[in-house]
Amino acid sequence: MIKVSVFYPNKEGARFDMKYYLEKHMPMVRQKMAGAMRGMGVEQGIAGGAPGAPLTYRVIAHMTFDSVEAFQSAFGPQAESIMADVPNYTDLQPIVQISEVKL
């Protein structure tokens, strides 16, 4: 199993509409990736690792798939429409990582 993680850095003055993200964007992603996506989760940062430290990421989304190929096959045809929706909820540049789930 693999996990696709999308990180939205915490930048001063950046815009992120969590309501839109949770109610519109992520349900649209789930619908477009139907059949390939095994699970989805969204985390909202609240603090950094040390007392008083700023959070590193404002939002992190995780999606699980059986394989990189399953993700790529599902995402490829939908990439343009999914990415076109990003400006509707943020002006941050998302960072994507694909990881193999070990535990």
N, C-alpha and C. Protein backbone atom coordinates (compact mmCIF):
# COMPACT_ATOMS: atom_id res chain seq x y z
N MET A 1 0.84 -1.17 0.00
CA MET A 1 0.00 0.00 0.00
C MET A 1 0.89 1.23 0.00
N ILE A 2 0.41 2.30 -0.66
CA ILE A 2 1.14 3.56 -0.68
C ILE A 2 0.25 4.66 -0.12
N LYS A 3 0.91 5.70 0.35
CA LYS A 3 0.20 6.88 0.85
C LYS A 3 0.68 8.08 0.05
N VAL A 4 -0.27 8.83 -0.48
CA VAL A 4 0.02 10.10 -1.14
C VAL A 4 -0.31 11.19 -0.13
N SER A 5 0.71 11.95 0.26
CA SER A 5 0.53 13.02 1.22
C SER A 5 0.71 14.36 0.53
N VAL A 6 -0.20 15.28 0.83
CA VAL A 6 -0.15 16.63 0.26
C VAL A 6 0.01 17.59 1.44
N PHE A 7 1.13 18.30 1.45
CA PHE A 7 1.47 19.21 2.54
C PHE A 7 1.28 20.65 2.08
N TYR A 8 0.61 21.44 2.90
CA TYR A 8 0.43 22.87 2.64
C TYR A 8 1.22 23.62 3.71
N PRO A 9 2.37 24.22 3.33
CA PRO A 9 3.24 24.88 4.31
C PRO A 9 2.52 26.03 5.03
N ASN A 10 2.97 26.30 6.25
CA ASN A 10 2.45 27.42 7.01
C ASN A 10 3.24 28.66 6.61
N LYS A 11 2.63 29.54 5.83
CA LYS A 11 3.28 30.77 5.40
C LYS A 11 2.47 31.96 5.89
N GLU A 12 3.18 32.93 6.45
CA GLU A 12 2.55 34.15 6.94
C GLU A 12 1.75 34.82 5.82
N GLY A 13 0.49 35.13 6.11
CA GLY A 13 -0.36 35.85 5.16
C GLY A 13 -1.00 35.00 4.09
N ALA A 14 -0.71 33.70 4.06
CA ALA A 14 -1.30 32.83 3.04
C ALA A 14 -2.77 32.57 3.35
N ARG A 15 -3.51 32.26 2.31
CA ARG A 15 -4.94 31.98 2.43
C ARG A 15 -5.19 30.48 2.33
N PHE A 16 -6.03 29.96 3.22
CA PHE A 16 -6.47 28.57 3.13
C PHE A 16 -7.89 28.50 3.67
N ASP A 17 -8.84 28.14 2.80
CA ASP A 17 -10.25 28.04 3.16
C ASP A 17 -10.55 26.58 3.52
N MET A 18 -10.46 26.26 4.81
CA MET A 18 -10.64 24.88 5.27
C MET A 18 -12.06 24.39 4.98
N LYS A 19 -13.05 25.24 5.14
CA LYS A 19 -14.44 24.84 4.88
C LYS A 19 -14.59 24.38 3.43
N TYR A 20 -14.08 25.16 2.49
CA TYR A 20 -14.14 24.78 1.07
C TYR A 20 -13.38 23.48 0.85
N TYR A 21 -12.20 23.37 1.43
CA TYR A 21 -11.35 22.19 1.24
C TYR A 21 -12.07 20.93 1.69
N LEU A 22 -12.69 20.99 2.88
CA LEU A 22 -13.36 19.82 3.43
C LEU A 22 -14.71 19.52 2.77
N GLU A 23 -15.43 20.55 2.40
CA GLU A 23 -16.79 20.36 1.87
C GLU A 23 -16.87 20.26 0.35
N LYS A 24 -15.88 20.80 -0.35
CA LYS A 24 -15.93 20.80 -1.82
C LYS A 24 -14.76 20.05 -2.45
N HIS A 25 -13.54 20.49 -2.13
CA HIS A 25 -12.37 19.94 -2.83
C HIS A 25 -12.16 18.45 -2.54
N MET A 26 -12.06 18.09 -1.28
CA MET A 26 -11.76 16.69 -0.96
C MET A 26 -12.88 15.74 -1.39
N PRO A 27 -14.16 16.09 -1.25
CA PRO A 27 -15.20 15.21 -1.80
C PRO A 27 -15.09 15.05 -3.32
N MET A 28 -14.69 16.13 -4.02
CA MET A 28 -14.50 16.05 -5.47
C MET A 28 -13.34 15.12 -5.80
N VAL A 29 -12.25 15.22 -5.04
CA VAL A 29 -11.10 14.33 -5.25
C VAL A 29 -11.52 12.88 -5.01
N ARG A 30 -12.25 12.64 -3.93
CA ARG A 30 -12.71 11.28 -3.61
C ARG A 30 -13.56 10.73 -4.77
N GLN A 31 -14.45 11.53 -5.29
CA GLN A 31 -15.34 11.10 -6.38
C GLN A 31 -14.52 10.80 -7.64
N LYS A 32 -13.56 11.66 -7.96
CA LYS A 32 -12.78 11.47 -9.19
C LYS A 32 -11.81 10.29 -9.08
N MET A 33 -11.42 9.94 -7.87
CA MET A 33 -10.48 8.83 -7.67
C MET A 33 -11.21 7.56 -7.23
N ALA A 34 -12.53 7.58 -7.32
CA ALA A 34 -13.36 6.44 -6.88
C ALA A 34 -12.84 5.13 -7.47
N GLY A 35 -12.83 4.11 -6.65
CA GLY A 35 -12.38 2.80 -7.08
C GLY A 35 -10.92 2.56 -6.81
N ALA A 36 -10.08 3.59 -6.90
CA ALA A 36 -8.64 3.42 -6.68
C ALA A 36 -8.24 3.82 -5.26
N MET A 37 -8.87 4.88 -4.73
CA MET A 37 -8.51 5.37 -3.41
C MET A 37 -9.07 4.44 -2.34
N ARG A 38 -8.20 4.06 -1.38
CA ARG A 38 -8.61 3.17 -0.29
C ARG A 38 -8.99 3.92 0.98
N GLY A 39 -8.44 5.11 1.15
CA GLY A 39 -8.74 5.90 2.34
C GLY A 39 -8.26 7.32 2.17
N MET A 40 -8.79 8.21 3.03
CA MET A 40 -8.45 9.63 2.96
C MET A 40 -8.50 10.20 4.37
N GLY A 41 -7.60 11.12 4.66
CA GLY A 41 -7.63 11.83 5.93
C GLY A 41 -7.08 13.23 5.74
N VAL A 42 -7.57 14.15 6.55
CA VAL A 42 -7.10 15.54 6.50
C VAL A 42 -6.75 15.97 7.91
N GLU A 43 -5.59 16.59 8.07
CA GLU A 43 -5.12 17.09 9.35
C GLU A 43 -4.91 18.59 9.25
N GLN A 44 -5.31 19.32 10.29
CA GLN A 44 -5.06 20.76 10.37
C GLN A 44 -4.03 21.00 11.46
N GLY A 45 -2.90 21.63 11.10
CA GLY A 45 -1.85 21.90 12.07
C GLY A 45 -2.31 22.85 13.17
N ILE A 46 -1.80 22.61 14.39
CA ILE A 46 -2.16 23.48 15.50
C ILE A 46 -0.93 24.01 16.25
N ALA A 47 0.22 23.37 16.10
CA ALA A 47 1.43 23.84 16.80
C ALA A 47 2.66 23.17 16.21
N GLY A 48 3.81 23.77 16.50
CA GLY A 48 5.09 23.17 16.11
C GLY A 48 5.52 22.15 17.15
N GLY A 49 6.69 21.57 16.97
CA GLY A 49 7.17 20.51 17.85
C GLY A 49 7.62 20.96 19.22
N ALA A 50 8.03 22.21 19.35
CA ALA A 50 8.49 22.74 20.63
C ALA A 50 7.47 23.76 21.15
N PRO A 51 7.43 23.96 22.45
CA PRO A 51 6.49 24.94 23.00
C PRO A 51 6.66 26.31 22.35
N GLY A 52 5.57 26.86 21.86
CA GLY A 52 5.60 28.17 21.23
C GLY A 52 6.09 28.19 19.80
N ALA A 53 6.53 27.05 19.28
CA ALA A 53 7.04 27.00 17.89
C ALA A 53 5.88 27.05 16.91
N PRO A 54 6.06 27.76 15.80
CA PRO A 54 4.99 27.80 14.79
C PRO A 54 4.85 26.44 14.12
N LEU A 55 3.65 26.16 13.65
CA LEU A 55 3.44 24.89 12.95
C LEU A 55 4.16 24.91 11.61
N THR A 56 4.59 23.76 11.16
CA THR A 56 5.32 23.64 9.90
C THR A 56 4.36 23.62 8.72
N TYR A 57 3.28 22.85 8.86
CA TYR A 57 2.30 22.72 7.79
C TYR A 57 0.94 23.13 8.30
N ARG A 58 0.26 23.94 7.53
CA ARG A 58 -1.08 24.38 7.89
C ARG A 58 -2.07 23.23 7.76
N VAL A 59 -1.95 22.48 6.67
CA VAL A 59 -2.84 21.35 6.40
C VAL A 59 -2.03 20.24 5.76
N ILE A 60 -2.37 18.99 6.13
CA ILE A 60 -1.79 17.81 5.48
C ILE A 60 -2.95 16.88 5.12
N ALA A 61 -2.97 16.44 3.88
CA ALA A 61 -3.97 15.46 3.44
C ALA A 61 -3.24 14.17 3.09
N HIS A 62 -3.88 13.06 3.41
CA HIS A 62 -3.31 11.75 3.11
C HIS A 62 -4.36 10.93 2.35
N MET A 63 -3.92 10.23 1.32
CA MET A 63 -4.79 9.32 0.57
C MET A 63 -4.03 8.03 0.36
N THR A 64 -4.68 6.91 0.55
CA THR A 64 -4.02 5.62 0.37
C THR A 64 -4.53 4.91 -0.87
N PHE A 65 -3.60 4.18 -1.50
CA PHE A 65 -3.87 3.43 -2.73
C PHE A 65 -3.12 2.11 -2.65
N ASP A 66 -3.51 1.16 -3.44
CA ASP A 66 -2.84 -0.14 -3.45
C ASP A 66 -1.41 -0.05 -3.96
N SER A 67 -1.16 0.86 -4.91
CA SER A 67 0.17 0.96 -5.52
C SER A 67 0.35 2.33 -6.17
N VAL A 68 1.59 2.65 -6.50
CA VAL A 68 1.87 3.89 -7.24
C VAL A 68 1.13 3.87 -8.57
N GLU A 69 1.13 2.71 -9.21
CA GLU A 69 0.46 2.58 -10.51
C GLU A 69 -1.04 2.83 -10.38
N ALA A 70 -1.66 2.34 -9.31
CA ALA A 70 -3.10 2.57 -9.09
C ALA A 70 -3.37 4.06 -8.91
N PHE A 71 -2.51 4.73 -8.14
CA PHE A 71 -2.66 6.18 -7.96
C PHE A 71 -2.49 6.91 -9.28
N GLN A 72 -1.42 6.62 -10.00
CA GLN A 72 -1.14 7.32 -11.25
C GLN A 72 -2.24 7.10 -12.29
N SER A 73 -2.76 5.90 -12.36
CA SER A 73 -3.84 5.60 -13.32
C SER A 73 -5.11 6.36 -12.98
N ALA A 74 -5.39 6.53 -11.69
CA ALA A 74 -6.59 7.25 -11.28
C ALA A 74 -6.39 8.76 -11.36
N PHE A 75 -5.22 9.25 -10.95
CA PHE A 75 -4.97 10.68 -10.89
C PHE A 75 -4.71 11.29 -12.27
N GLY A 76 -3.94 10.61 -13.09
CA GLY A 76 -3.54 11.16 -14.39
C GLY A 76 -4.66 11.79 -15.19
N PRO A 77 -5.75 11.06 -15.45
CA PRO A 77 -6.84 11.63 -16.25
C PRO A 77 -7.60 12.76 -15.54
N GLN A 78 -7.45 12.85 -14.22
CA GLN A 78 -8.19 13.85 -13.43
C GLN A 78 -7.31 15.01 -12.96
N ALA A 79 -6.02 14.92 -13.21
CA ALA A 79 -5.06 15.88 -12.65
C ALA A 79 -5.41 17.32 -12.99
N GLU A 80 -5.75 17.58 -14.22
CA GLU A 80 -6.01 18.96 -14.63
C GLU A 80 -7.19 19.56 -13.85
N SER A 81 -8.29 18.83 -13.74
CA SER A 81 -9.45 19.38 -13.04
C SER A 81 -9.22 19.48 -11.53
N ILE A 82 -8.50 18.52 -10.96
CA ILE A 82 -8.21 18.58 -9.52
C ILE A 82 -7.30 19.77 -9.23
N MET A 83 -6.25 19.94 -10.00
CA MET A 83 -5.32 21.04 -9.77
C MET A 83 -5.94 22.40 -10.08
N ALA A 84 -6.88 22.44 -11.01
CA ALA A 84 -7.56 23.70 -11.34
C ALA A 84 -8.40 24.21 -10.17
N ASP A 85 -8.77 23.33 -9.25
CA ASP A 85 -9.58 23.73 -8.10
C ASP A 85 -8.75 24.32 -6.96
N VAL A 86 -7.45 24.12 -6.96
CA VAL A 86 -6.59 24.57 -5.86
C VAL A 86 -6.76 26.06 -5.57
N PRO A 87 -6.78 26.96 -6.57
CA PRO A 87 -6.93 28.39 -6.27
C PRO A 87 -8.26 28.75 -5.58
N ASN A 88 -9.22 27.84 -5.62
CA ASN A 88 -10.49 28.11 -4.94
C ASN A 88 -10.38 28.04 -3.42
N TYR A 89 -9.32 27.40 -2.90
CA TYR A 89 -9.19 27.31 -1.45
C TYR A 89 -7.86 27.79 -0.89
N THR A 90 -6.83 27.96 -1.74
CA THR A 90 -5.54 28.41 -1.19
C THR A 90 -4.68 29.09 -2.25
N ASP A 91 -3.74 29.88 -1.74
CA ASP A 91 -2.70 30.44 -2.61
C ASP A 91 -1.35 29.81 -2.27
N LEU A 92 -1.37 28.76 -1.45
CA LEU A 92 -0.16 28.02 -1.12
C LEU A 92 0.17 27.01 -2.21
N GLN A 93 1.45 26.72 -2.36
CA GLN A 93 1.92 25.70 -3.30
C GLN A 93 1.99 24.37 -2.57
N PRO A 94 1.14 23.39 -2.92
CA PRO A 94 1.19 22.11 -2.23
C PRO A 94 2.47 21.33 -2.54
N ILE A 95 2.91 20.57 -1.55
CA ILE A 95 4.07 19.69 -1.69
C ILE A 95 3.54 18.26 -1.61
N VAL A 96 3.87 17.43 -2.59
CA VAL A 96 3.34 16.06 -2.64
C VAL A 96 4.47 15.06 -2.39
N GLN A 97 4.17 14.06 -1.58
CA GLN A 97 5.09 12.95 -1.36
C GLN A 97 4.32 11.65 -1.46
N ILE A 98 4.93 10.68 -2.13
CA ILE A 98 4.36 9.34 -2.19
C ILE A 98 5.27 8.43 -1.35
N SER A 99 4.66 7.73 -0.42
CA SER A 99 5.41 6.87 0.50
C SER A 99 4.86 5.47 0.49
N GLU A 100 5.72 4.50 0.77
CA GLU A 100 5.28 3.14 0.96
C GLU A 100 4.92 2.97 2.44
N VAL A 101 3.72 2.47 2.69
CA VAL A 101 3.26 2.28 4.07
C VAL A 101 3.92 1.01 4.61
N LYS A 102 4.61 1.13 5.73
CA LYS A 102 5.34 0.01 6.32
C LYS A 102 4.66 -0.56 7.56
N LEU A 103 3.85 0.22 8.22
CA LEU A 103 3.24 -0.22 9.47
C LEU A 103 1.79 0.21 9.54
